[in-house]
Amino acid sequence: VQLQASGGGLVQAGGSLRLSCAASGRTISTETMNWYRQAPGKERELVAHISSGGTTYYEDPVKGRFTISRDNAKNSVYLNMISLKPEDTAVYYCYVKMGLYDYWGQGTQVTVSS
């Protein structure tokens, strides 16, 4: 499966962005889909995930501000981000584990200015 992330950009603090992750090659409808991020000098960290049934999970720093969703007809996952903070600045990656294999998108840069 190939994952193509998009939607990043430069935004002021308090602004919003919507990230998209389009999958190709295989259906992701039966998989838990994840968004991770990696800030400069830091390790990659989980942001949120959504199960095949639509159950969502968020890490504490983004709870109440980020919303993960999926559209199985479009084989895509989304991350809606509001009330962005400078500490949200990172490269955001979509990720799925299928069987023994890990698949990462190429990442999309989100920069939040203060």
PDB file of N, CA and C in Angstrom:
ATOM      1  N   VAL A   1       0.842  -1.184   0.000  1.00  0.00           N
ATOM      2  CA  VAL A   1       0.000   0.000   0.000  1.00  0.00           C
ATOM      3  C   VAL A   1       0.884   1.243   0.000  1.00  0.00           C
ATOM      4  N   GLN A   2       0.452   2.269  -0.724  1.00  0.00           N
ATOM      5  CA  GLN A   2       1.154   3.557  -0.710  1.00  0.00           C
ATOM      6  C   GLN A   2       0.256   4.582  -0.027  1.00  0.00           C
ATOM      7  N   LEU A   3       0.875   5.387   0.823  1.00  0.00           N
ATOM      8  CA  LEU A   3       0.148   6.421   1.556  1.00  0.00           C
ATOM      9  C   LEU A   3       0.676   7.782   1.137  1.00  0.00           C
ATOM     10  N   GLN A   4      -0.227   8.659   0.744  1.00  0.00           N
ATOM     11  CA  GLN A   4       0.149   9.997   0.287  1.00  0.00           C
ATOM     12  C   GLN A   4      -0.504  11.023   1.207  1.00  0.00           C
ATOM     13  N   ALA A   5       0.316  11.669   2.020  1.00  0.00           N
ATOM     14  CA  ALA A   5      -0.190  12.703   2.935  1.00  0.00           C
ATOM     15  C   ALA A   5      -0.105  14.066   2.283  1.00  0.00           C
ATOM     16  N   SER A   6      -1.068  14.898   2.606  1.00  0.00           N
ATOM     17  CA  SER A   6      -1.091  16.257   2.061  1.00  0.00           C
ATOM     18  C   SER A   6      -1.868  17.158   3.000  1.00  0.00           C
ATOM     19  N   GLY A   7      -1.795  18.458   2.726  1.00  0.00           N
ATOM     20  CA  GLY A   7      -2.589  19.414   3.480  1.00  0.00           C
ATOM     21  C   GLY A   7      -1.820  20.246   4.479  1.00  0.00           C
ATOM     22  N   GLY A   8      -0.554  19.965   4.650  1.00  0.00           N
ATOM     23  CA  GLY A   8       0.234  20.752   5.586  1.00  0.00           C
ATOM     24  C   GLY A   8       0.474  22.155   5.068  1.00  0.00           C
ATOM     25  N   GLY A   9       1.057  22.975   5.926  1.00  0.00           N
ATOM     26  CA  GLY A   9       1.345  24.346   5.529  1.00  0.00           C
ATOM     27  C   GLY A   9       1.754  25.183   6.710  1.00  0.00           C
ATOM     28  N   LEU A  10       1.830  26.471   6.461  1.00  0.00           N
ATOM     29  CA  LEU A  10       2.186  27.444   7.494  1.00  0.00           C
ATOM     30  C   LEU A  10       0.910  28.149   7.948  1.00  0.00           C
ATOM     31  N   VAL A  11       0.709  28.179   9.256  1.00  0.00           N
ATOM     32  CA  VAL A  11      -0.499  28.784   9.804  1.00  0.00           C
ATOM     33  C   VAL A  11      -0.140  29.505  11.090  1.00  0.00           C
ATOM     34  N   GLN A  12      -0.884  30.538  11.403  1.00  0.00           N
ATOM     35  CA  GLN A  12      -0.661  31.243  12.660  1.00  0.00           C
ATOM     36  C   GLN A  12      -1.278  30.475  13.813  1.00  0.00           C
ATOM     37  N   ALA A  13      -0.762  30.704  14.993  1.00  0.00           N
ATOM     38  CA  ALA A  13      -1.325  30.086  16.194  1.00  0.00           C
ATOM     39  C   ALA A  13      -2.807  30.417  16.286  1.00  0.00           C
ATOM     40  N   GLY A  14      -3.585  29.386  16.631  1.00  0.00           N
ATOM     41  CA  GLY A  14      -5.028  29.538  16.676  1.00  0.00           C
ATOM     42  C   GLY A  14      -5.719  29.161  15.389  1.00  0.00           C
ATOM     43  N   GLY A  15      -4.941  28.956  14.342  1.00  0.00           N
ATOM     44  CA  GLY A  15      -5.500  28.607  13.045  1.00  0.00           C
ATOM     45  C   GLY A  15      -5.832  27.133  12.940  1.00  0.00           C
ATOM     46  N   SER A  16      -6.209  26.740  11.736  1.00  0.00           N
ATOM     47  CA  SER A  16      -6.605  25.352  11.518  1.00  0.00           C
ATOM     48  C   SER A  16      -6.056  24.839  10.192  1.00  0.00           C
ATOM     49  N   LEU A  17      -5.933  23.538  10.132  1.00  0.00           N
ATOM     50  CA  LEU A  17      -5.521  22.835   8.915  1.00  0.00           C
ATOM     51  C   LEU A  17      -6.232  21.491   8.863  1.00  0.00           C
ATOM     52  N   ARG A  18      -6.364  20.967   7.668  1.00  0.00           N
ATOM     53  CA  ARG A  18      -6.921  19.627   7.492  1.00  0.00           C
ATOM     54  C   ARG A  18      -5.942  18.811   6.668  1.00  0.00           C
ATOM     55  N   LEU A  19      -5.428  17.766   7.289  1.00  0.00           N
ATOM     56  CA  LEU A  19      -4.512  16.866   6.607  1.00  0.00           C
ATOM     57  C   LEU A  19      -5.295  15.709   5.998  1.00  0.00           C
ATOM     58  N   SER A  20      -4.807  15.256   4.858  1.00  0.00           N
ATOM     59  CA  SER A  20      -5.400  14.108   4.190  1.00  0.00           C
ATOM     60  C   SER A  20      -4.340  13.046   3.963  1.00  0.00           C
ATOM     61  N   CYS A  21      -4.771  11.811   3.999  1.00  0.00           N
ATOM     62  CA  CYS A  21      -3.895  10.681   3.699  1.00  0.00           C
ATOM     63  C   CYS A  21      -4.660   9.772   2.751  1.00  0.00           C
ATOM     64  N   ALA A  22      -4.210   9.725   1.505  1.00  0.00           N
ATOM     65  CA  ALA A  22      -4.862   8.895   0.500  1.00  0.00           C
ATOM     66  C   ALA A  22      -4.055   7.618   0.310  1.00  0.00           C
ATOM     67  N   ALA A  23      -4.727   6.495   0.401  1.00  0.00           N
ATOM     68  CA  ALA A  23      -4.074   5.203   0.237  1.00  0.00           C
ATOM     69  C   ALA A  23      -4.344   4.664  -1.154  1.00  0.00           C
ATOM     70  N   SER A  24      -3.381   3.969  -1.684  1.00  0.00           N
ATOM     71  CA  SER A  24      -3.544   3.320  -2.981  1.00  0.00           C
ATOM     72  C   SER A  24      -2.858   1.964  -2.941  1.00  0.00           C
ATOM     73  N   GLY A  25      -3.302   1.090  -3.802  1.00  0.00           N
ATOM     74  CA  GLY A  25      -2.702  -0.230  -3.895  1.00  0.00           C
ATOM     75  C   GLY A  25      -3.453  -1.297  -3.136  1.00  0.00           C
ATOM     76  N   ARG A  26      -4.020  -0.921  -1.997  1.00  0.00           N
ATOM     77  CA  ARG A  26      -4.825  -1.847  -1.209  1.00  0.00           C
ATOM     78  C   ARG A  26      -5.871  -1.050  -0.451  1.00  0.00           C
ATOM     79  N   THR A  27      -6.941  -1.717  -0.101  1.00  0.00           N
ATOM     80  CA  THR A  27      -7.943  -1.038   0.705  1.00  0.00           C
ATOM     81  C   THR A  27      -7.472  -0.926   2.148  1.00  0.00           C
ATOM     82  N   ILE A  28      -7.786   0.194   2.767  1.00  0.00           N
ATOM     83  CA  ILE A  28      -7.439   0.379   4.172  1.00  0.00           C
ATOM     84  C   ILE A  28      -8.683   0.318   5.052  1.00  0.00           C
ATOM     85  N   SER A  29      -9.803  -0.046   4.464  1.00  0.00           N
ATOM     86  CA  SER A  29     -11.074   0.022   5.191  1.00  0.00           C
ATOM     87  C   SER A  29     -11.117  -0.908   6.401  1.00  0.00           C
ATOM     88  N   THR A  30     -10.327  -1.960   6.406  1.00  0.00           N
ATOM     89  CA  THR A  30     -10.347  -2.917   7.506  1.00  0.00           C
ATOM     90  C   THR A  30      -9.206  -2.688   8.491  1.00  0.00           C
ATOM     91  N   GLU A  31      -8.475  -1.585   8.312  1.00  0.00           N
ATOM     92  CA  GLU A  31      -7.279  -1.344   9.111  1.00  0.00           C
ATOM     93  C   GLU A  31      -7.443  -0.157  10.050  1.00  0.00           C
ATOM     94  N   THR A  32      -6.761  -0.225  11.178  1.00  0.00           N
ATOM     95  CA  THR A  32      -6.623   0.943  12.034  1.00  0.00           C
ATOM     96  C   THR A  32      -5.606   1.885  11.394  1.00  0.00           C
ATOM     97  N   MET A  33      -6.014   3.116  11.228  1.00  0.00           N
ATOM     98  CA  MET A  33      -5.151   4.113  10.594  1.00  0.00           C
ATOM     99  C   MET A  33      -4.666   5.111  11.641  1.00  0.00           C
ATOM    100  N   ASN A  34      -3.437   5.528  11.455  1.00  0.00           N
ATOM    101  CA  ASN A  34      -2.789   6.359  12.455  1.00  0.00           C
ATOM    102  C   ASN A  34      -2.208   7.622  11.842  1.00  0.00           C
ATOM    103  N   TRP A  35      -2.169   8.665  12.673  1.00  0.00           N
ATOM    104  CA  TRP A  35      -1.376   9.852  12.370  1.00  0.00           C
ATOM    105  C   TRP A  35      -0.289   9.961  13.441  1.00  0.00           C
ATOM    106  N   TYR A  36       0.925  10.153  12.983  1.00  0.00           N
ATOM    107  CA  TYR A  36       2.056  10.420  13.849  1.00  0.00           C
ATOM    108  C   TYR A  36       2.634  11.789  13.479  1.00  0.00           C
ATOM    109  N   ARG A  37       3.482  12.302  14.346  1.00  0.00           N
ATOM    110  CA  ARG A  37       4.198  13.528  14.004  1.00  0.00           C
ATOM    111  C   ARG A  37       5.604  13.473  14.584  1.00  0.00           C
ATOM    112  N   GLN A  38       6.485  14.230  13.953  1.00  0.00           N
ATOM    113  CA  GLN A  38       7.860  14.319  14.436  1.00  0.00           C
ATOM    114  C   GLN A  38       8.317  15.755  14.360  1.00  0.00           C
ATOM    115  N   ALA A  39       8.581  16.312  15.527  1.00  0.00           N
ATOM    116  CA  ALA A  39       9.081  17.679  15.626  1.00  0.00           C
ATOM    117  C   ALA A  39      10.602  17.657  15.524  1.00  0.00           C
ATOM    118  N   PRO A  40      11.204  18.769  15.147  1.00  0.00           N
ATOM    119  CA  PRO A  40      12.665  18.819  15.025  1.00  0.00           C
ATOM    120  C   PRO A  40      13.345  18.420  16.329  1.00  0.00           C
ATOM    121  N   GLY A  41      14.279  17.492  16.243  1.00  0.00           N
ATOM    122  CA  GLY A  41      15.026  17.067  17.405  1.00  0.00           C
ATOM    123  C   GLY A  41      14.294  16.136  18.345  1.00  0.00           C
ATOM    124  N   LYS A  42      13.096  15.738  17.956  1.00  0.00           N
ATOM    125  CA  LYS A  42      12.303  14.860  18.825  1.00  0.00           C
ATOM    126  C   LYS A  42      11.984  13.556  18.109  1.00  0.00           C
ATOM    127  N   GLU A  43      11.568  12.574  18.900  1.00  0.00           N
ATOM    128  CA  GLU A  43      11.177  11.303  18.325  1.00  0.00           C
ATOM    129  C   GLU A  43       9.775  11.409  17.719  1.00  0.00           C
ATOM    130  N   ARG A  44       9.522  10.518  16.784  1.00  0.00           N
ATOM    131  CA  ARG A  44       8.193  10.464  16.192  1.00  0.00           C
ATOM    132  C   ARG A  44       7.195   9.997  17.258  1.00  0.00           C
ATOM    133  N   GLU A  45       6.040  10.628  17.308  1.00  0.00           N
ATOM    134  CA  GLU A  45       5.058  10.295  18.326  1.00  0.00           C
ATOM    135  C   GLU A  45       3.671  10.124  17.721  1.00  0.00           C
ATOM    136  N   LEU A  46       2.887   9.280  18.361  1.00  0.00           N
ATOM    137  CA  LEU A  46       1.512   9.074  17.930  1.00  0.00           C
ATOM    138  C   LEU A  46       0.689  10.319  18.221  1.00  0.00           C
ATOM    139  N   VAL A  47      -0.186  10.652  17.292  1.00  0.00           N
ATOM    140  CA  VAL A  47      -1.120  11.759  17.483  1.00  0.00           C
ATOM    141  C   VAL A  47      -2.523  11.225  17.729  1.00  0.00           C
ATOM    142  N   ALA A  48      -2.969  10.343  16.834  1.00  0.00           N
ATOM    143  CA  ALA A  48      -4.326   9.812  16.926  1.00  0.00           C
ATOM    144  C   ALA A  48      -4.428   8.575  16.055  1.00  0.00           C
ATOM    145  N   HIS A  49      -5.428   7.740  16.342  1.00  0.00           N
ATOM    146  CA  HIS A  49      -5.740   6.666  15.427  1.00  0.00           C
ATOM    147  C   HIS A  49      -7.233   6.415  15.385  1.00  0.00           C
ATOM    148  N   ILE A  50      -7.642   5.738  14.335  1.00  0.00           N
ATOM    149  CA  ILE A  50      -9.048   5.424  14.132  1.00  0.00           C
ATOM    150  C   ILE A  50      -9.147   3.983  13.659  1.00  0.00           C
ATOM    151  N   SER A  51     -10.022   3.216  14.323  1.00  0.00           N
ATOM    152  CA  SER A  51     -10.181   1.809  13.976  1.00  0.00           C
ATOM    153  C   SER A  51     -11.033   1.667  12.727  1.00  0.00           C
ATOM    154  N   SER A  52     -11.102   0.449  12.245  1.00  0.00           N
ATOM    155  CA  SER A  52     -11.932   0.192  11.073  1.00  0.00           C
ATOM    156  C   SER A  52     -13.399   0.498  11.353  1.00  0.00           C
ATOM    157  N   GLY A  53     -13.787   0.367  12.605  1.00  0.00           N
ATOM    158  CA  GLY A  53     -15.172   0.648  12.986  1.00  0.00           C
ATOM    159  C   GLY A  53     -15.437   2.080  13.347  1.00  0.00           C
ATOM    160  N   GLY A  54     -14.385   2.904  13.315  1.00  0.00           N
ATOM    161  CA  GLY A  54     -14.557   4.325  13.585  1.00  0.00           C
ATOM    162  C   GLY A  54     -14.254   4.767  15.000  1.00  0.00           C
ATOM    163  N   THR A  55     -13.788   3.853  15.837  1.00  0.00           N
ATOM    164  CA  THR A  55     -13.391   4.240  17.194  1.00  0.00           C
ATOM    165  C   THR A  55     -12.103   5.047  17.124  1.00  0.00           C
ATOM    166  N   THR A  56     -12.097   6.162  17.825  1.00  0.00           N
ATOM    167  CA  THR A  56     -10.950   7.065  17.755  1.00  0.00           C
ATOM    168  C   THR A  56     -10.198   7.126  19.081  1.00  0.00           C
ATOM    169  N   TYR A  57      -8.936   7.484  18.958  1.00  0.00           N
ATOM    170  CA  TYR A  57      -8.071   7.675  20.131  1.00  0.00           C
ATOM    171  C   TYR A  57      -7.193   8.880  19.849  1.00  0.00           C
ATOM    172  N   TYR A  58      -6.967   9.681  20.892  1.00  0.00           N
ATOM    173  CA  TYR A  58      -6.117  10.869  20.763  1.00  0.00           C
ATOM    174  C   TYR A  58      -5.129  10.926  21.909  1.00  0.00           C
ATOM    175  N   GLU A  59      -3.929  11.346  21.620  1.00  0.00           N
ATOM    176  CA  GLU A  59      -2.972  11.637  22.667  1.00  0.00           C
ATOM    177  C   GLU A  59      -3.395  12.934  23.367  1.00  0.00           C
ATOM    178  N   ASP A  60      -3.020  13.025  24.624  1.00  0.00           N
ATOM    179  CA  ASP A  60      -3.482  14.154  25.444  1.00  0.00           C
ATOM    180  C   ASP A  60      -3.204  15.530  24.842  1.00  0.00           C
ATOM    181  N   PRO A  61      -2.027  15.772  24.260  1.00  0.00           N
ATOM    182  CA  PRO A  61      -1.746  17.140  23.771  1.00  0.00           C
ATOM    183  C   PRO A  61      -2.701  17.641  22.688  1.00  0.00           C
ATOM    184  N   VAL A  62      -3.407  16.729  22.029  1.00  0.00           N
ATOM    185  CA  VAL A  62      -4.267  17.144  20.912  1.00  0.00           C
ATOM    186  C   VAL A  62      -5.747  16.922  21.190  1.00  0.00           C
ATOM    187  N   LYS A  63      -6.060  16.347  22.317  1.00  0.00           N
ATOM    188  CA  LYS A  63      -7.470  16.092  22.639  1.00  0.00           C
ATOM    189  C   LYS A  63      -8.267  17.380  22.641  1.00  0.00           C
ATOM    190  N   GLY A  64      -9.422  17.315  22.010  1.00  0.00           N
ATOM    191  CA  GLY A  64     -10.283  18.487  21.960  1.00  0.00           C
ATOM    192  C   GLY A  64      -9.949  19.453  20.842  1.00  0.00           C
ATOM    193  N   ARG A  65      -8.811  19.250  20.207  1.00  0.00           N
ATOM    194  CA  ARG A  65      -8.412  20.154  19.113  1.00  0.00           C
ATOM    195  C   ARG A  65      -8.302  19.443  17.771  1.00  0.00           C
ATOM    196  N   PHE A  66      -7.919  18.183  17.794  1.00  0.00           N
ATOM    197  CA  PHE A  66      -7.755  17.413  16.559  1.00  0.00           C
ATOM    198  C   PHE A  66      -8.878  16.396  16.442  1.00  0.00           C
ATOM    199  N   THR A  67      -9.281  16.138  15.206  1.00  0.00           N
ATOM    200  CA  THR A  67     -10.289  15.124  14.928  1.00  0.00           C
ATOM    201  C   THR A  67      -9.816  14.244  13.779  1.00  0.00           C
ATOM    202  N   ILE A  68      -9.742  12.960  14.041  1.00  0.00           N
ATOM    203  CA  ILE A  68      -9.377  12.008  12.997  1.00  0.00           C
ATOM    204  C   ILE A  68     -10.656  11.408  12.424  1.00  0.00           C
ATOM    205  N   SER A  69     -10.675  11.216  11.120  1.00  0.00           N
ATOM    206  CA  SER A  69     -11.838  10.630  10.472  1.00  0.00           C
ATOM    207  C   SER A  69     -11.378   9.834   9.258  1.00  0.00           C
ATOM    208  N   ARG A  70     -12.289   9.077   8.709  1.00  0.00           N
ATOM    209  CA  ARG A  70     -11.935   8.276   7.542  1.00  0.00           C
ATOM    210  C   ARG A  70     -13.107   8.239   6.568  1.00  0.00           C
ATOM    211  N   ASP A  71     -12.776   8.052   5.312  1.00  0.00           N
ATOM    212  CA  ASP A  71     -13.764   7.868   4.255  1.00  0.00           C
ATOM    213  C   ASP A  71     -13.331   6.635   3.490  1.00  0.00           C
ATOM    214  N   ASN A  72     -13.953   5.506   3.803  1.00  0.00           N
ATOM    215  CA  ASN A  72     -13.536   4.250   3.184  1.00  0.00           C
ATOM    216  C   ASN A  72     -13.820   4.232   1.683  1.00  0.00           C
ATOM    217  N   ALA A  73     -14.835   4.955   1.257  1.00  0.00           N
ATOM    218  CA  ALA A  73     -15.122   5.008  -0.177  1.00  0.00           C
ATOM    219  C   ALA A  73     -13.989   5.671  -0.950  1.00  0.00           C
ATOM    220  N   LYS A  74     -13.296   6.594  -0.266  1.00  0.00           N
ATOM    221  CA  LYS A  74     -12.164   7.279  -0.894  1.00  0.00           C
ATOM    222  C   LYS A  74     -10.830   6.684  -0.467  1.00  0.00           C
ATOM    223  N   ASN A  75     -10.891   5.622   0.362  1.00  0.00           N
ATOM    224  CA  ASN A  75      -9.661   4.995   0.835  1.00  0.00           C
ATOM    225  C   ASN A  75      -8.728   6.026   1.471  1.00  0.00           C
ATOM    226  N   SER A  76      -9.315   6.873   2.296  1.00  0.00           N
ATOM    227  CA  SER A  76      -8.574   8.009   2.836  1.00  0.00           C
ATOM    228  C   SER A  76      -8.864   8.215   4.314  1.00  0.00           C
ATOM    229  N   VAL A  77      -7.912   8.861   4.956  1.00  0.00           N
ATOM    230  CA  VAL A  77      -8.029   9.238   6.355  1.00  0.00           C
ATOM    231  C   VAL A  77      -7.682  10.720   6.462  1.00  0.00           C
ATOM    232  N   TYR A  78      -8.276  11.371   7.442  1.00  0.00           N
ATOM    233  CA  TYR A  78      -8.095  12.805   7.579  1.00  0.00           C
ATOM    234  C   TYR A  78      -7.741  13.161   9.017  1.00  0.00           C
ATOM    235  N   LEU A  79      -7.104  14.312   9.167  1.00  0.00           N
ATOM    236  CA  LEU A  79      -6.845  14.855  10.496  1.00  0.00           C
ATOM    237  C   LEU A  79      -7.199  16.329  10.457  1.00  0.00           C
ATOM    238  N   ASN A  80      -8.287  16.673  11.112  1.00  0.00           N
ATOM    239  CA  ASN A  80      -8.714  18.057  11.185  1.00  0.00           C
ATOM    240  C   ASN A  80      -8.120  18.672  12.445  1.00  0.00           C
ATOM    241  N   MET A  81      -7.411  19.763  12.282  1.00  0.00           N
ATOM    242  CA  MET A  81      -6.686  20.369  13.402  1.00  0.00           C
ATOM    243  C   MET A  81      -7.147  21.805  13.574  1.00  0.00           C
ATOM    244  N   ILE A  82      -7.604  22.124  14.765  1.00  0.00           N
ATOM    245  CA  ILE A  82      -8.010  23.496  15.080  1.00  0.00           C
ATOM    246  C   ILE A  82      -7.225  23.985  16.275  1.00  0.00           C
ATOM    247  N   SER A  83      -7.329  25.283  16.542  1.00  0.00           N
ATOM    248  CA  SER A  83      -6.631  25.890  17.683  1.00  0.00           C
ATOM    249  C   SER A  83      -5.174  25.469  17.717  1.00  0.00           C
ATOM    250  N   LEU A  84      -4.538  25.545  16.583  1.00  0.00           N
ATOM    251  CA  LEU A  84      -3.156  25.087  16.487  1.00  0.00           C
ATOM    252  C   LEU A  84      -2.221  25.935  17.333  1.00  0.00           C
ATOM    253  N   LYS A  85      -1.208  25.262  17.867  1.00  0.00           N
ATOM    254  CA  LYS A  85      -0.222  25.891  18.735  1.00  0.00           C
ATOM    255  C   LYS A  85       1.166  25.745  18.109  1.00  0.00           C
ATOM    256  N   PRO A  86       2.095  26.617  18.457  1.00  0.00           N
ATOM    257  CA  PRO A  86       3.465  26.455  17.929  1.00  0.00           C
ATOM    258  C   PRO A  86       4.050  25.075  18.213  1.00  0.00           C
ATOM    259  N   GLU A  87       3.679  24.483  19.331  1.00  0.00           N
ATOM    260  CA  GLU A  87       4.217  23.159  19.656  1.00  0.00           C
ATOM    261  C   GLU A  87       3.629  22.041  18.798  1.00  0.00           C
ATOM    262  N   ASP A  88       2.644  22.366  17.964  1.00  0.00           N
ATOM    263  CA  ASP A  88       2.142  21.387  16.995  1.00  0.00           C
ATOM    264  C   ASP A  88       3.013  21.325  15.744  1.00  0.00           C
ATOM    265  N   THR A  89       3.978  22.220  15.639  1.00  0.00           N
ATOM    266  CA  THR A  89       4.868  22.238  14.484  1.00  0.00           C
ATOM    267  C   THR A  89       5.623  20.919  14.392  1.00  0.00           C
ATOM    268  N   ALA A  90       5.498  20.262  13.246  1.00  0.00           N
ATOM    269  CA  ALA A  90       6.109  18.946  13.047  1.00  0.00           C
ATOM    270  C   ALA A  90       5.826  18.487  11.620  1.00  0.00           C
ATOM    271  N   VAL A  91       6.494  17.422  11.266  1.00  0.00           N
ATOM    272  CA  VAL A  91       6.110  16.693  10.056  1.00  0.00           C
ATOM    273  C   VAL A  91       5.102  15.634  10.485  1.00  0.00           C
ATOM    274  N   TYR A  92       3.969  15.606   9.805  1.00  0.00           N
ATOM    275  CA  TYR A  92       2.896  14.680  10.141  1.00  0.00           C
ATOM    276  C   TYR A  92       2.879  13.535   9.129  1.00  0.00           C
ATOM    277  N   TYR A  93       2.776  12.318   9.685  1.00  0.00           N
ATOM    278  CA  TYR A  93       2.819  11.119   8.867  1.00  0.00           C
ATOM    279  C   TYR A  93       1.564  10.277   9.106  1.00  0.00           C
ATOM    280  N   CYS A  94       1.037   9.701   8.056  1.00  0.00           N
ATOM    281  CA  CYS A  94       0.035   8.662   8.249  1.00  0.00           C
ATOM    282  C   CYS A  94       0.736   7.308   8.211  1.00  0.00           C
ATOM    283  N   TYR A  95       0.158   6.371   8.932  1.00  0.00           N
ATOM    284  CA  TYR A  95       0.816   5.072   9.141  1.00  0.00           C
ATOM    285  C   TYR A  95      -0.236   3.984   9.275  1.00  0.00           C
ATOM    286  N   VAL A  96       0.079   2.836   8.713  1.00  0.00           N
ATOM    287  CA  VAL A  96      -0.752   1.653   8.896  1.00  0.00           C
ATOM    288  C   VAL A  96       0.146   0.429   8.998  1.00  0.00           C
ATOM    289  N   LYS A  97      -0.250  -0.466   9.873  1.00  0.00           N
ATOM    290  CA  LYS A  97       0.427  -1.757   9.979  1.00  0.00           C
ATOM    291  C   LYS A  97      -0.487  -2.803   9.382  1.00  0.00           C
ATOM    292  N   MET A  98       0.016  -3.500   8.387  1.00  0.00           N
ATOM    293  CA  MET A  98      -0.752  -4.558   7.742  1.00  0.00           C
ATOM    294  C   MET A  98       0.029  -5.850   7.884  1.00  0.00           C
ATOM    295  N   GLY A  99      -0.474  -6.758   8.698  1.00  0.00           N
ATOM    296  CA  GLY A  99       0.245  -7.997   8.941  1.00  0.00           C
ATOM    297  C   GLY A  99       1.578  -7.699   9.601  1.00  0.00           C
ATOM    298  N   LEU A 100       2.640  -8.127   8.991  1.00  0.00           N
ATOM    299  CA  LEU A 100       3.975  -7.915   9.542  1.00  0.00           C
ATOM    300  C   LEU A 100       4.615  -6.616   9.072  1.00  0.00           C
ATOM    301  N   TYR A 101       3.932  -5.902   8.220  1.00  0.00           N
ATOM    302  CA  TYR A 101       4.557  -4.772   7.544  1.00  0.00           C
ATOM    303  C   TYR A 101       4.012  -3.434   8.020  1.00  0.00           C
ATOM    304  N   ASP A 102       4.948  -2.473   8.094  1.00  0.00           N
ATOM    305  CA  ASP A 102       4.628  -1.099   8.446  1.00  0.00           C
ATOM    306  C   ASP A 102       4.688  -0.240   7.187  1.00  0.00           C
ATOM    307  N   TYR A 103       3.670   0.590   7.026  1.00  0.00           N
ATOM    308  CA  TYR A 103       3.625   1.481   5.872  1.00  0.00           C
ATOM    309  C   TYR A 103       3.475   2.920   6.364  1.00  0.00           C
ATOM    310  N   TRP A 104       4.378   3.771   5.898  1.00  0.00           N
ATOM    311  CA  TRP A 104       4.371   5.185   6.259  1.00  0.00           C
ATOM    312  C   TRP A 104       4.165   6.043   5.016  1.00  0.00           C
ATOM    313  N   GLY A 105       3.409   7.102   5.185  1.00  0.00           N
ATOM    314  CA  GLY A 105       3.348   8.108   4.147  1.00  0.00           C
ATOM    315  C   GLY A 105       4.612   8.945   4.169  1.00  0.00           C
ATOM    316  N   GLN A 106       4.737   9.831   3.223  1.00  0.00           N
ATOM    317  CA  GLN A 106       5.980  10.592   3.097  1.00  0.00           C
ATOM    318  C   GLN A 106       6.044  11.777   4.052  1.00  0.00           C
ATOM    319  N   GLY A 107       4.946  12.101   4.695  1.00  0.00           N
ATOM    320  CA  GLY A 107       4.943  13.215   5.640  1.00  0.00           C
ATOM    321  C   GLY A 107       4.539  14.524   5.007  1.00  0.00           C
ATOM    322  N   THR A 108       3.898  15.347   5.805  1.00  0.00           N
ATOM    323  CA  THR A 108       3.529  16.687   5.356  1.00  0.00           C
ATOM    324  C   THR A 108       3.864  17.653   6.484  1.00  0.00           C
ATOM    325  N   GLN A 109       4.513  18.744   6.142  1.00  0.00           N
ATOM    326  CA  GLN A 109       5.017  19.681   7.142  1.00  0.00           C
ATOM    327  C   GLN A 109       3.901  20.616   7.615  1.00  0.00           C
ATOM    328  N   VAL A 110       3.778  20.707   8.920  1.00  0.00           N
ATOM    329  CA  VAL A 110       2.879  21.677   9.548  1.00  0.00           C
ATOM    330  C   VAL A 110       3.735  22.624  10.373  1.00  0.00           C
ATOM    331  N   THR A 111       3.620  23.899  10.093  1.00  0.00           N
ATOM    332  CA  THR A 111       4.360  24.913  10.835  1.00  0.00           C
ATOM    333  C   THR A 111       3.377  25.930  11.394  1.00  0.00           C
ATOM    334  N   VAL A 112       3.431  26.095  12.708  1.00  0.00           N
ATOM    335  CA  VAL A 112       2.527  27.023  13.387  1.00  0.00           C
ATOM    336  C   VAL A 112       3.365  28.155  13.955  1.00  0.00           C
ATOM    337  N   SER A 113       3.099  29.350  13.492  1.00  0.00           N
ATOM    338  CA  SER A 113       3.863  30.514  13.964  1.00  0.00           C
ATOM    339  C   SER A 113       3.142  31.171  15.137  1.00  0.00           C
ATOM    340  N   SER A 114       3.941  31.730  16.008  1.00  0.00           N
ATOM    341  CA  SER A 114       3.363  32.367  17.211  1.00  0.00           C
ATOM    342  C   SER A 114       3.046  33.836  16.964  1.00  0.00           C
TER     343      SER A 114
END
